[in-house]
Amino acid sequence: MALAEFFVLVPDLPNAPRAAVRDAHMARIIPMIKSGELVRFGGATLDHQPTEEELKAENVATALSFTGSAMLVVAESEEEVREKFKEDPYVKEGVWDWEKARIWPMKTVISKPVAGR
């Protein structure tokens, strides 16, 4: 089966220990992004746009108010996406509410990063 794109939106659980688990999550995700193996892009969803002060905070991971994560994932099926992420530290350590994850088929047309971020 050919690879397809999926847009994934995952809410955080209440009082999620995101900052404490972030390093383990990033250690797993960054190689996947660099290789294009699974994740094409990903990031946190927030309850508001960060202020300049929040972005300059010593520990941005604790300064921002996170609500979940959004990702573009490549896989053969939605089932493969669900299987691969069951092992993510954000799932295993109670950050993501994986049972409420929403996954949609997607086709990227245009992609350009935001300058300065």
N, C-alpha and C. Protein backbone atom coordinates (compact mmCIF):
# COMPACT_ATOMS: atom_id res chain seq x y z
N MET A 1 0.84 -1.18 0.00
CA MET A 1 0.00 0.00 0.00
C MET A 1 0.89 1.25 0.00
N ALA A 2 0.47 2.27 -0.71
CA ALA A 2 1.24 3.50 -0.81
C ALA A 2 1.08 4.36 0.44
N LEU A 3 2.09 5.18 0.68
CA LEU A 3 2.00 6.11 1.81
C LEU A 3 1.00 7.21 1.50
N ALA A 4 0.29 7.65 2.53
CA ALA A 4 -0.68 8.72 2.42
C ALA A 4 -0.43 9.70 3.56
N GLU A 5 -1.00 10.90 3.44
CA GLU A 5 -0.87 11.92 4.48
C GLU A 5 -2.11 11.93 5.37
N PHE A 6 -1.86 12.20 6.65
CA PHE A 6 -2.95 12.30 7.62
C PHE A 6 -2.68 13.50 8.53
N PHE A 7 -3.72 14.31 8.73
CA PHE A 7 -3.64 15.41 9.68
C PHE A 7 -4.15 14.88 11.01
N VAL A 8 -3.34 15.04 12.06
CA VAL A 8 -3.67 14.50 13.37
C VAL A 8 -3.80 15.65 14.37
N LEU A 9 -4.90 15.67 15.10
CA LEU A 9 -5.14 16.65 16.14
C LEU A 9 -5.44 15.89 17.43
N VAL A 10 -4.59 16.11 18.45
CA VAL A 10 -4.71 15.37 19.71
C VAL A 10 -4.82 16.34 20.88
N PRO A 11 -5.90 16.27 21.66
CA PRO A 11 -5.98 17.14 22.83
C PRO A 11 -5.12 16.61 23.97
N ASP A 12 -4.68 17.53 24.82
CA ASP A 12 -3.99 17.13 26.04
C ASP A 12 -5.01 16.71 27.09
N LEU A 13 -4.59 15.82 27.97
CA LEU A 13 -5.40 15.49 29.15
C LEU A 13 -5.33 16.66 30.13
N PRO A 14 -6.33 16.81 31.00
CA PRO A 14 -6.26 17.86 32.02
C PRO A 14 -5.00 17.69 32.89
N ASN A 15 -4.36 18.79 33.20
CA ASN A 15 -3.15 18.79 34.04
C ASN A 15 -2.05 17.89 33.49
N ALA A 16 -1.95 17.84 32.18
CA ALA A 16 -0.95 16.98 31.54
C ALA A 16 0.47 17.39 31.94
N PRO A 17 1.35 16.42 32.20
CA PRO A 17 2.74 16.71 32.58
C PRO A 17 3.62 16.96 31.35
N ARG A 18 3.15 17.81 30.44
CA ARG A 18 3.82 18.04 29.15
C ARG A 18 5.29 18.42 29.31
N ALA A 19 5.59 19.40 30.15
CA ALA A 19 6.97 19.86 30.30
C ALA A 19 7.88 18.74 30.80
N ALA A 20 7.40 17.91 31.71
CA ALA A 20 8.21 16.84 32.28
C ALA A 20 8.49 15.72 31.27
N VAL A 21 7.62 15.56 30.28
CA VAL A 21 7.73 14.45 29.33
C VAL A 21 8.30 14.92 27.99
N ARG A 22 8.40 16.23 27.79
CA ARG A 22 8.78 16.79 26.49
C ARG A 22 10.09 16.23 25.95
N ASP A 23 11.13 16.15 26.77
CA ASP A 23 12.43 15.67 26.27
C ASP A 23 12.33 14.25 25.70
N ALA A 24 11.63 13.36 26.39
CA ALA A 24 11.47 11.99 25.91
C ALA A 24 10.65 11.96 24.61
N HIS A 25 9.60 12.78 24.55
CA HIS A 25 8.78 12.86 23.34
C HIS A 25 9.61 13.38 22.16
N MET A 26 10.37 14.45 22.38
CA MET A 26 11.17 15.02 21.30
C MET A 26 12.27 14.07 20.85
N ALA A 27 12.86 13.32 21.77
CA ALA A 27 13.90 12.35 21.40
C ALA A 27 13.35 11.29 20.45
N ARG A 28 12.08 10.99 20.58
CA ARG A 28 11.45 10.00 19.69
C ARG A 28 10.99 10.64 18.38
N ILE A 29 10.44 11.85 18.44
CA ILE A 29 9.82 12.49 17.27
C ILE A 29 10.84 13.12 16.32
N ILE A 30 11.87 13.79 16.83
CA ILE A 30 12.80 14.51 15.97
C ILE A 30 13.43 13.60 14.90
N PRO A 31 13.92 12.41 15.24
CA PRO A 31 14.46 11.55 14.17
C PRO A 31 13.40 11.20 13.11
N MET A 32 12.15 11.06 13.52
CA MET A 32 11.08 10.76 12.56
C MET A 32 10.84 11.93 11.61
N ILE A 33 10.96 13.15 12.14
CA ILE A 33 10.78 14.34 11.30
C ILE A 33 11.97 14.46 10.34
N LYS A 34 13.19 14.31 10.86
CA LYS A 34 14.39 14.45 10.02
C LYS A 34 14.43 13.43 8.90
N SER A 35 13.98 12.21 9.17
CA SER A 35 14.02 11.15 8.16
C SER A 35 12.79 11.17 7.26
N GLY A 36 11.75 11.90 7.67
CA GLY A 36 10.49 11.88 6.91
C GLY A 36 9.76 10.56 7.08
N GLU A 37 10.22 9.73 8.04
CA GLU A 37 9.69 8.38 8.25
C GLU A 37 8.21 8.38 8.60
N LEU A 38 7.81 9.29 9.46
CA LEU A 38 6.42 9.28 9.92
C LEU A 38 5.86 10.68 10.00
N VAL A 39 6.54 11.54 10.72
CA VAL A 39 6.02 12.88 10.97
C VAL A 39 6.66 13.88 10.01
N ARG A 40 5.83 14.65 9.29
CA ARG A 40 6.34 15.67 8.39
C ARG A 40 6.45 17.01 9.10
N PHE A 41 5.49 17.32 9.97
CA PHE A 41 5.60 18.49 10.84
C PHE A 41 4.72 18.24 12.04
N GLY A 42 5.00 18.97 13.10
CA GLY A 42 4.18 18.84 14.30
C GLY A 42 4.43 20.01 15.22
N GLY A 43 3.48 20.24 16.09
CA GLY A 43 3.64 21.31 17.06
C GLY A 43 2.48 21.33 18.03
N ALA A 44 2.64 22.16 19.03
CA ALA A 44 1.62 22.27 20.08
C ALA A 44 0.50 23.20 19.64
N THR A 45 -0.70 22.90 20.11
CA THR A 45 -1.80 23.84 19.99
C THR A 45 -1.89 24.59 21.31
N LEU A 46 -2.25 25.86 21.22
CA LEU A 46 -2.23 26.75 22.39
C LEU A 46 -3.60 27.39 22.60
N ASP A 47 -3.84 27.88 23.80
CA ASP A 47 -5.12 28.55 24.03
C ASP A 47 -5.10 30.02 23.61
N HIS A 48 -3.91 30.55 23.25
CA HIS A 48 -3.79 31.90 22.70
C HIS A 48 -2.43 32.03 22.02
N GLN A 49 -2.30 33.03 21.14
CA GLN A 49 -1.00 33.29 20.53
C GLN A 49 -0.04 33.76 21.62
N PRO A 50 1.16 33.24 21.66
CA PRO A 50 2.10 33.64 22.70
C PRO A 50 2.51 35.11 22.58
N THR A 51 2.69 35.73 23.73
CA THR A 51 3.21 37.10 23.76
C THR A 51 4.73 37.03 23.58
N GLU A 52 5.33 38.16 23.29
CA GLU A 52 6.80 38.22 23.18
C GLU A 52 7.45 37.77 24.48
N GLU A 53 6.86 38.18 25.62
CA GLU A 53 7.41 37.80 26.92
C GLU A 53 7.36 36.27 27.11
N GLU A 54 6.26 35.66 26.72
CA GLU A 54 6.16 34.20 26.85
C GLU A 54 7.18 33.50 25.97
N LEU A 55 7.38 34.01 24.77
CA LEU A 55 8.35 33.39 23.86
C LEU A 55 9.78 33.56 24.34
N LYS A 56 10.05 34.60 25.13
CA LYS A 56 11.40 34.85 25.64
C LYS A 56 11.63 34.24 27.02
N ALA A 57 10.61 33.59 27.56
CA ALA A 57 10.73 33.01 28.91
C ALA A 57 11.87 32.01 28.96
N GLU A 58 12.47 31.89 30.11
CA GLU A 58 13.58 30.95 30.30
C GLU A 58 13.16 29.53 29.93
N ASN A 59 11.95 29.14 30.34
CA ASN A 59 11.43 27.82 30.02
C ASN A 59 10.09 27.98 29.29
N VAL A 60 10.17 28.07 27.97
CA VAL A 60 8.97 28.28 27.16
C VAL A 60 7.95 27.16 27.38
N ALA A 61 8.43 25.95 27.62
CA ALA A 61 7.52 24.81 27.80
C ALA A 61 6.60 24.98 29.00
N THR A 62 7.01 25.76 29.99
CA THR A 62 6.13 26.00 31.13
C THR A 62 5.45 27.36 31.06
N ALA A 63 5.92 28.25 30.17
CA ALA A 63 5.34 29.59 30.06
C ALA A 63 4.07 29.61 29.20
N LEU A 64 3.95 28.67 28.28
CA LEU A 64 2.81 28.66 27.37
C LEU A 64 1.67 27.80 27.92
N SER A 65 0.48 28.07 27.43
CA SER A 65 -0.71 27.32 27.85
C SER A 65 -1.12 26.37 26.72
N PHE A 66 -0.70 25.12 26.83
CA PHE A 66 -0.91 24.12 25.79
C PHE A 66 -2.31 23.51 25.87
N THR A 67 -2.85 23.17 24.70
CA THR A 67 -4.14 22.48 24.65
C THR A 67 -4.04 21.12 23.96
N GLY A 68 -2.93 20.86 23.26
CA GLY A 68 -2.78 19.60 22.55
C GLY A 68 -1.69 19.71 21.51
N SER A 69 -1.80 18.88 20.47
CA SER A 69 -0.80 18.85 19.40
C SER A 69 -1.47 18.66 18.05
N ALA A 70 -0.80 19.16 17.00
CA ALA A 70 -1.24 18.96 15.62
C ALA A 70 -0.04 18.46 14.83
N MET A 71 -0.28 17.51 13.92
CA MET A 71 0.81 16.92 13.14
C MET A 71 0.34 16.55 11.74
N LEU A 72 1.28 16.54 10.82
CA LEU A 72 1.06 15.94 9.52
C LEU A 72 1.90 14.67 9.51
N VAL A 73 1.24 13.55 9.30
CA VAL A 73 1.88 12.24 9.41
C VAL A 73 1.73 11.50 8.09
N VAL A 74 2.76 10.75 7.70
CA VAL A 74 2.67 9.88 6.54
C VAL A 74 2.65 8.43 7.01
N ALA A 75 1.71 7.68 6.46
CA ALA A 75 1.56 6.27 6.83
C ALA A 75 0.73 5.59 5.75
N GLU A 76 0.64 4.28 5.83
CA GLU A 76 -0.19 3.54 4.87
C GLU A 76 -1.67 3.62 5.22
N SER A 77 -1.98 3.84 6.52
CA SER A 77 -3.38 3.84 6.93
C SER A 77 -3.54 4.59 8.25
N GLU A 78 -4.76 4.95 8.56
CA GLU A 78 -5.05 5.56 9.86
C GLU A 78 -4.68 4.60 10.99
N GLU A 79 -4.91 3.32 10.77
CA GLU A 79 -4.57 2.32 11.79
C GLU A 79 -3.08 2.33 12.09
N GLU A 80 -2.25 2.49 11.05
CA GLU A 80 -0.80 2.56 11.26
C GLU A 80 -0.44 3.79 12.10
N VAL A 81 -1.08 4.92 11.82
CA VAL A 81 -0.84 6.14 12.60
C VAL A 81 -1.16 5.87 14.06
N ARG A 82 -2.33 5.30 14.33
CA ARG A 82 -2.74 5.02 15.72
C ARG A 82 -1.77 4.07 16.40
N GLU A 83 -1.32 3.04 15.68
CA GLU A 83 -0.39 2.07 16.26
C GLU A 83 0.95 2.71 16.61
N LYS A 84 1.50 3.48 15.67
CA LYS A 84 2.82 4.08 15.89
C LYS A 84 2.83 5.03 17.08
N PHE A 85 1.75 5.79 17.25
CA PHE A 85 1.75 6.78 18.32
C PHE A 85 1.39 6.20 19.68
N LYS A 86 0.89 4.99 19.73
CA LYS A 86 0.60 4.37 21.04
C LYS A 86 1.85 4.24 21.90
N GLU A 87 3.02 4.22 21.25
CA GLU A 87 4.29 4.09 21.96
C GLU A 87 4.93 5.42 22.31
N ASP A 88 4.32 6.53 21.90
CA ASP A 88 4.91 7.84 22.17
C ASP A 88 4.85 8.16 23.66
N PRO A 89 5.91 8.78 24.21
CA PRO A 89 5.89 9.15 25.63
C PRO A 89 4.70 10.05 26.02
N TYR A 90 4.23 10.89 25.10
CA TYR A 90 3.07 11.73 25.42
C TYR A 90 1.81 10.88 25.64
N VAL A 91 1.72 9.74 25.00
CA VAL A 91 0.59 8.82 25.23
C VAL A 91 0.84 8.02 26.51
N LYS A 92 2.02 7.42 26.61
CA LYS A 92 2.33 6.54 27.75
C LYS A 92 2.38 7.26 29.08
N GLU A 93 2.76 8.54 29.08
CA GLU A 93 2.93 9.29 30.33
C GLU A 93 1.77 10.24 30.63
N GLY A 94 0.68 10.13 29.88
CA GLY A 94 -0.53 10.88 30.22
C GLY A 94 -0.56 12.34 29.81
N VAL A 95 0.09 12.68 28.70
CA VAL A 95 0.00 14.05 28.18
C VAL A 95 -1.16 14.13 27.19
N TRP A 96 -1.12 13.27 26.16
CA TRP A 96 -2.17 13.28 25.14
C TRP A 96 -3.35 12.42 25.56
N ASP A 97 -4.55 12.89 25.23
CA ASP A 97 -5.77 12.09 25.36
C ASP A 97 -5.94 11.34 24.04
N TRP A 98 -5.15 10.29 23.85
CA TRP A 98 -5.07 9.58 22.58
C TRP A 98 -6.42 8.99 22.15
N GLU A 99 -7.27 8.67 23.10
CA GLU A 99 -8.61 8.16 22.78
C GLU A 99 -9.45 9.20 22.04
N LYS A 100 -9.12 10.49 22.21
CA LYS A 100 -9.87 11.57 21.56
C LYS A 100 -9.13 12.14 20.35
N ALA A 101 -8.05 11.48 19.94
CA ALA A 101 -7.30 11.94 18.76
C ALA A 101 -8.20 11.92 17.54
N ARG A 102 -8.10 12.96 16.72
CA ARG A 102 -8.84 13.03 15.46
C ARG A 102 -7.83 12.91 14.33
N ILE A 103 -8.12 12.06 13.36
CA ILE A 103 -7.20 11.82 12.26
C ILE A 103 -8.00 11.92 10.95
N TRP A 104 -7.52 12.83 10.07
CA TRP A 104 -8.19 13.03 8.78
C TRP A 104 -7.21 12.74 7.65
N PRO A 105 -7.67 12.10 6.57
CA PRO A 105 -6.85 12.01 5.36
C PRO A 105 -6.58 13.43 4.86
N MET A 106 -5.39 13.65 4.30
CA MET A 106 -5.01 14.98 3.86
C MET A 106 -4.14 14.89 2.62
N LYS A 107 -4.13 15.94 1.84
CA LYS A 107 -3.23 16.05 0.69
C LYS A 107 -2.61 17.44 0.72
N THR A 108 -1.31 17.53 1.00
CA THR A 108 -0.61 18.81 1.03
C THR A 108 -0.51 19.38 -0.38
N VAL A 109 -0.82 20.66 -0.50
CA VAL A 109 -0.70 21.36 -1.77
C VAL A 109 0.43 22.39 -1.69
N ILE A 110 0.46 23.15 -0.60
CA ILE A 110 1.47 24.19 -0.41
C ILE A 110 2.06 24.04 0.98
N SER A 111 3.37 24.25 1.09
CA SER A 111 4.02 24.16 2.39
C SER A 111 5.14 25.17 2.45
N LYS A 112 5.07 26.06 3.43
CA LYS A 112 6.14 27.03 3.64
C LYS A 112 6.15 27.40 5.11
N PRO A 113 7.32 27.31 5.78
CA PRO A 113 7.38 27.66 7.20
C PRO A 113 7.18 29.15 7.45
N VAL A 114 6.70 29.48 8.62
CA VAL A 114 6.54 30.87 9.03
C VAL A 114 7.93 31.43 9.34
N ALA A 115 8.27 32.56 8.75
CA ALA A 115 9.58 33.18 8.95
C ALA A 115 9.74 33.62 10.39
N GLY A 116 10.94 33.44 10.95
CA GLY A 116 11.26 33.93 12.28
C GLY A 116 10.74 33.08 13.42
N ARG A 117 10.23 31.91 13.16
CA ARG A 117 9.73 31.05 14.26
C ARG A 117 10.54 29.80 14.36
